[in-house]
Amino acid sequence: MRGAMIVIGVILIIGGVAAFLGKLEYPHDKEVARIGSISATVSQDKTVPQWAGGIAALVGLGLVAAGAMRKS
């Protein structure tokens, strides 16, 4: 359990820092027109908000600290 907390914490820290720096993007498909059975969609790349990256990094730091202090 201790090792899993540390690994998850490190993953959250890395992902959180990447999101905080604006490096995490995800595709978002948006339907712009529909006529009958024909539709037109646009794919946009959106970034994860910086505040979410900051929160993820803080939670990751907490998990790493809790895992390091736990005896098991």
N, C-alpha and C. Protein backbone atom coordinates (compact mmCIF):
# COMPACT_ATOMS: atom_id res chain seq x y z
N MET A 1 0.82 -1.20 0.00
CA MET A 1 0.00 0.00 0.00
C MET A 1 0.87 1.25 0.00
N ARG A 2 1.96 1.21 0.75
CA ARG A 2 2.84 2.37 0.85
C ARG A 2 3.46 2.70 -0.52
N GLY A 3 3.93 1.67 -1.20
CA GLY A 3 4.55 1.88 -2.51
C GLY A 3 3.55 2.39 -3.54
N ALA A 4 2.32 1.90 -3.46
CA ALA A 4 1.29 2.34 -4.40
C ALA A 4 0.96 3.82 -4.21
N MET A 5 0.92 4.26 -2.95
CA MET A 5 0.64 5.67 -2.67
C MET A 5 1.72 6.56 -3.26
N ILE A 6 2.96 6.13 -3.13
CA ILE A 6 4.08 6.93 -3.64
C ILE A 6 4.05 6.97 -5.16
N VAL A 7 3.79 5.83 -5.80
CA VAL A 7 3.76 5.78 -7.27
C VAL A 7 2.62 6.65 -7.81
N ILE A 8 1.43 6.54 -7.22
CA ILE A 8 0.30 7.36 -7.66
C ILE A 8 0.59 8.83 -7.42
N GLY A 9 1.23 9.14 -6.30
CA GLY A 9 1.60 10.52 -6.00
C GLY A 9 2.56 11.10 -7.02
N VAL A 10 3.56 10.32 -7.40
CA VAL A 10 4.53 10.79 -8.40
C VAL A 10 3.85 11.00 -9.75
N ILE A 11 2.96 10.10 -10.13
CA ILE A 11 2.23 10.26 -11.39
C ILE A 11 1.38 11.53 -11.36
N LEU A 12 0.71 11.78 -10.23
CA LEU A 12 -0.09 13.00 -10.12
C LEU A 12 0.78 14.25 -10.16
N ILE A 13 1.94 14.20 -9.55
CA ILE A 13 2.84 15.35 -9.58
C ILE A 13 3.28 15.64 -11.01
N ILE A 14 3.69 14.61 -11.73
CA ILE A 14 4.15 14.81 -13.12
C ILE A 14 3.02 15.34 -13.99
N GLY A 15 1.84 14.73 -13.89
CA GLY A 15 0.70 15.19 -14.68
C GLY A 15 0.26 16.60 -14.27
N GLY A 16 0.29 16.88 -12.97
CA GLY A 16 -0.11 18.20 -12.49
C GLY A 16 0.83 19.29 -12.96
N VAL A 17 2.12 19.03 -12.92
CA VAL A 17 3.10 20.02 -13.39
C VAL A 17 2.94 20.24 -14.89
N ALA A 18 2.73 19.16 -15.63
CA ALA A 18 2.53 19.30 -17.09
C ALA A 18 1.28 20.11 -17.39
N ALA A 19 0.21 19.87 -16.64
CA ALA A 19 -1.03 20.64 -16.85
C ALA A 19 -0.83 22.09 -16.43
N PHE A 20 -0.11 22.32 -15.35
CA PHE A 20 0.14 23.68 -14.88
C PHE A 20 0.94 24.48 -15.90
N LEU A 21 1.84 23.81 -16.60
CA LEU A 21 2.64 24.47 -17.62
C LEU A 21 1.92 24.58 -18.96
N GLY A 22 0.73 24.01 -19.06
CA GLY A 22 -0.06 24.09 -20.29
C GLY A 22 0.33 23.08 -21.34
N LYS A 23 0.92 21.97 -20.93
CA LYS A 23 1.40 20.96 -21.89
C LYS A 23 0.43 19.81 -22.09
N LEU A 24 -0.63 19.71 -21.29
CA LEU A 24 -1.59 18.61 -21.45
C LEU A 24 -2.77 19.07 -22.30
N GLU A 25 -2.94 18.42 -23.43
CA GLU A 25 -4.04 18.74 -24.33
C GLU A 25 -4.87 17.48 -24.58
N TYR A 26 -6.14 17.69 -24.86
CA TYR A 26 -7.02 16.58 -25.20
C TYR A 26 -7.94 17.03 -26.33
N PRO A 27 -8.31 16.10 -27.23
CA PRO A 27 -9.19 16.47 -28.35
C PRO A 27 -10.64 16.60 -27.90
N HIS A 28 -11.33 17.54 -28.50
CA HIS A 28 -12.75 17.75 -28.20
C HIS A 28 -13.48 17.89 -29.54
N ASP A 29 -14.39 16.95 -29.82
CA ASP A 29 -15.16 16.99 -31.06
C ASP A 29 -16.45 17.75 -30.82
N LYS A 30 -16.74 18.69 -31.73
CA LYS A 30 -17.94 19.50 -31.60
C LYS A 30 -18.73 19.44 -32.92
N GLU A 31 -20.01 19.14 -32.80
CA GLU A 31 -20.86 19.10 -33.99
C GLU A 31 -21.27 20.53 -34.33
N VAL A 32 -20.95 20.96 -35.57
CA VAL A 32 -21.25 22.34 -35.96
C VAL A 32 -22.46 22.44 -36.87
N ALA A 33 -22.79 21.37 -37.58
CA ALA A 33 -23.95 21.43 -38.46
C ALA A 33 -24.52 20.03 -38.65
N ARG A 34 -25.84 19.97 -38.77
CA ARG A 34 -26.50 18.69 -39.03
C ARG A 34 -27.68 18.96 -39.95
N ILE A 35 -27.65 18.25 -41.08
CA ILE A 35 -28.76 18.33 -42.04
C ILE A 35 -29.18 16.89 -42.33
N GLY A 36 -30.32 16.51 -41.78
CA GLY A 36 -30.78 15.14 -41.97
C GLY A 36 -29.84 14.17 -41.29
N SER A 37 -29.32 13.23 -42.07
CA SER A 37 -28.40 12.24 -41.51
C SER A 37 -26.94 12.64 -41.72
N ILE A 38 -26.71 13.80 -42.31
CA ILE A 38 -25.35 14.28 -42.56
C ILE A 38 -24.98 15.29 -41.47
N SER A 39 -23.81 15.11 -40.90
CA SER A 39 -23.37 16.06 -39.88
C SER A 39 -21.92 16.45 -40.12
N ALA A 40 -21.59 17.65 -39.67
CA ALA A 40 -20.22 18.16 -39.78
C ALA A 40 -19.70 18.40 -38.37
N THR A 41 -18.52 17.87 -38.11
CA THR A 41 -17.91 18.06 -36.79
C THR A 41 -16.54 18.71 -36.93
N VAL A 42 -16.15 19.40 -35.87
CA VAL A 42 -14.84 20.04 -35.82
C VAL A 42 -14.12 19.48 -34.61
N SER A 43 -12.87 19.12 -34.79
CA SER A 43 -12.06 18.62 -33.69
C SER A 43 -11.15 19.74 -33.20
N GLN A 44 -11.24 20.05 -31.90
CA GLN A 44 -10.42 21.10 -31.31
C GLN A 44 -9.55 20.49 -30.22
N ASP A 45 -8.34 21.01 -30.09
CA ASP A 45 -7.47 20.61 -29.00
C ASP A 45 -7.66 21.58 -27.85
N LYS A 46 -8.03 21.06 -26.69
CA LYS A 46 -8.21 21.89 -25.50
C LYS A 46 -7.14 21.52 -24.50
N THR A 47 -6.80 22.46 -23.64
CA THR A 47 -5.80 22.21 -22.61
C THR A 47 -6.47 22.05 -21.25
N VAL A 48 -5.84 21.28 -20.39
CA VAL A 48 -6.33 21.10 -19.03
C VAL A 48 -6.09 22.42 -18.29
N PRO A 49 -7.06 22.91 -17.51
CA PRO A 49 -6.89 24.18 -16.80
C PRO A 49 -5.70 24.14 -15.83
N GLN A 50 -5.04 25.28 -15.69
CA GLN A 50 -3.87 25.35 -14.82
C GLN A 50 -4.23 25.09 -13.36
N TRP A 51 -5.41 25.52 -12.95
CA TRP A 51 -5.79 25.31 -11.55
C TRP A 51 -5.94 23.82 -11.25
N ALA A 52 -6.40 23.06 -12.23
CA ALA A 52 -6.54 21.61 -12.03
C ALA A 52 -5.17 20.95 -11.92
N GLY A 53 -4.21 21.45 -12.69
CA GLY A 53 -2.85 20.94 -12.60
C GLY A 53 -2.22 21.23 -11.25
N GLY A 54 -2.47 22.43 -10.74
CA GLY A 54 -1.95 22.78 -9.42
C GLY A 54 -2.53 21.92 -8.32
N ILE A 55 -3.83 21.67 -8.38
CA ILE A 55 -4.48 20.82 -7.38
C ILE A 55 -3.94 19.39 -7.47
N ALA A 56 -3.78 18.87 -8.69
CA ALA A 56 -3.26 17.51 -8.86
C ALA A 56 -1.84 17.39 -8.31
N ALA A 57 -1.02 18.42 -8.54
CA ALA A 57 0.36 18.38 -8.02
C ALA A 57 0.35 18.41 -6.49
N LEU A 58 -0.52 19.21 -5.89
CA LEU A 58 -0.59 19.27 -4.42
C LEU A 58 -1.08 17.95 -3.83
N VAL A 59 -2.08 17.34 -4.46
CA VAL A 59 -2.57 16.04 -3.99
C VAL A 59 -1.47 14.99 -4.13
N GLY A 60 -0.74 15.05 -5.23
CA GLY A 60 0.38 14.12 -5.43
C GLY A 60 1.45 14.29 -4.36
N LEU A 61 1.78 15.53 -4.02
CA LEU A 61 2.75 15.77 -2.95
C LEU A 61 2.26 15.21 -1.63
N GLY A 62 0.98 15.38 -1.36
CA GLY A 62 0.40 14.83 -0.14
C GLY A 62 0.48 13.31 -0.09
N LEU A 63 0.20 12.67 -1.21
CA LEU A 63 0.28 11.20 -1.26
C LEU A 63 1.71 10.70 -1.09
N VAL A 64 2.67 11.39 -1.71
CA VAL A 64 4.06 10.99 -1.55
C VAL A 64 4.50 11.16 -0.10
N ALA A 65 4.11 12.27 0.51
CA ALA A 65 4.48 12.51 1.91
C ALA A 65 3.83 11.48 2.83
N ALA A 66 2.56 11.18 2.61
CA ALA A 66 1.85 10.20 3.43
C ALA A 66 2.44 8.81 3.24
N GLY A 67 2.80 8.48 2.01
CA GLY A 67 3.41 7.17 1.76
C GLY A 67 4.80 7.05 2.36
N ALA A 68 5.55 8.15 2.37
CA ALA A 68 6.89 8.12 2.94
C ALA A 68 6.84 8.02 4.47
N MET A 69 5.84 8.63 5.10
CA MET A 69 5.75 8.64 6.55
C MET A 69 5.09 7.37 7.10
N ARG A 70 4.40 6.63 6.26
CA ARG A 70 3.66 5.45 6.71
C ARG A 70 4.62 4.29 6.98
N LYS A 71 4.40 3.60 8.07
CA LYS A 71 5.21 2.42 8.41
C LYS A 71 4.47 1.16 8.01
N SER A 72 5.15 0.32 7.20
CA SER A 72 4.46 -0.89 6.78
C SER A 72 5.39 -1.81 6.04
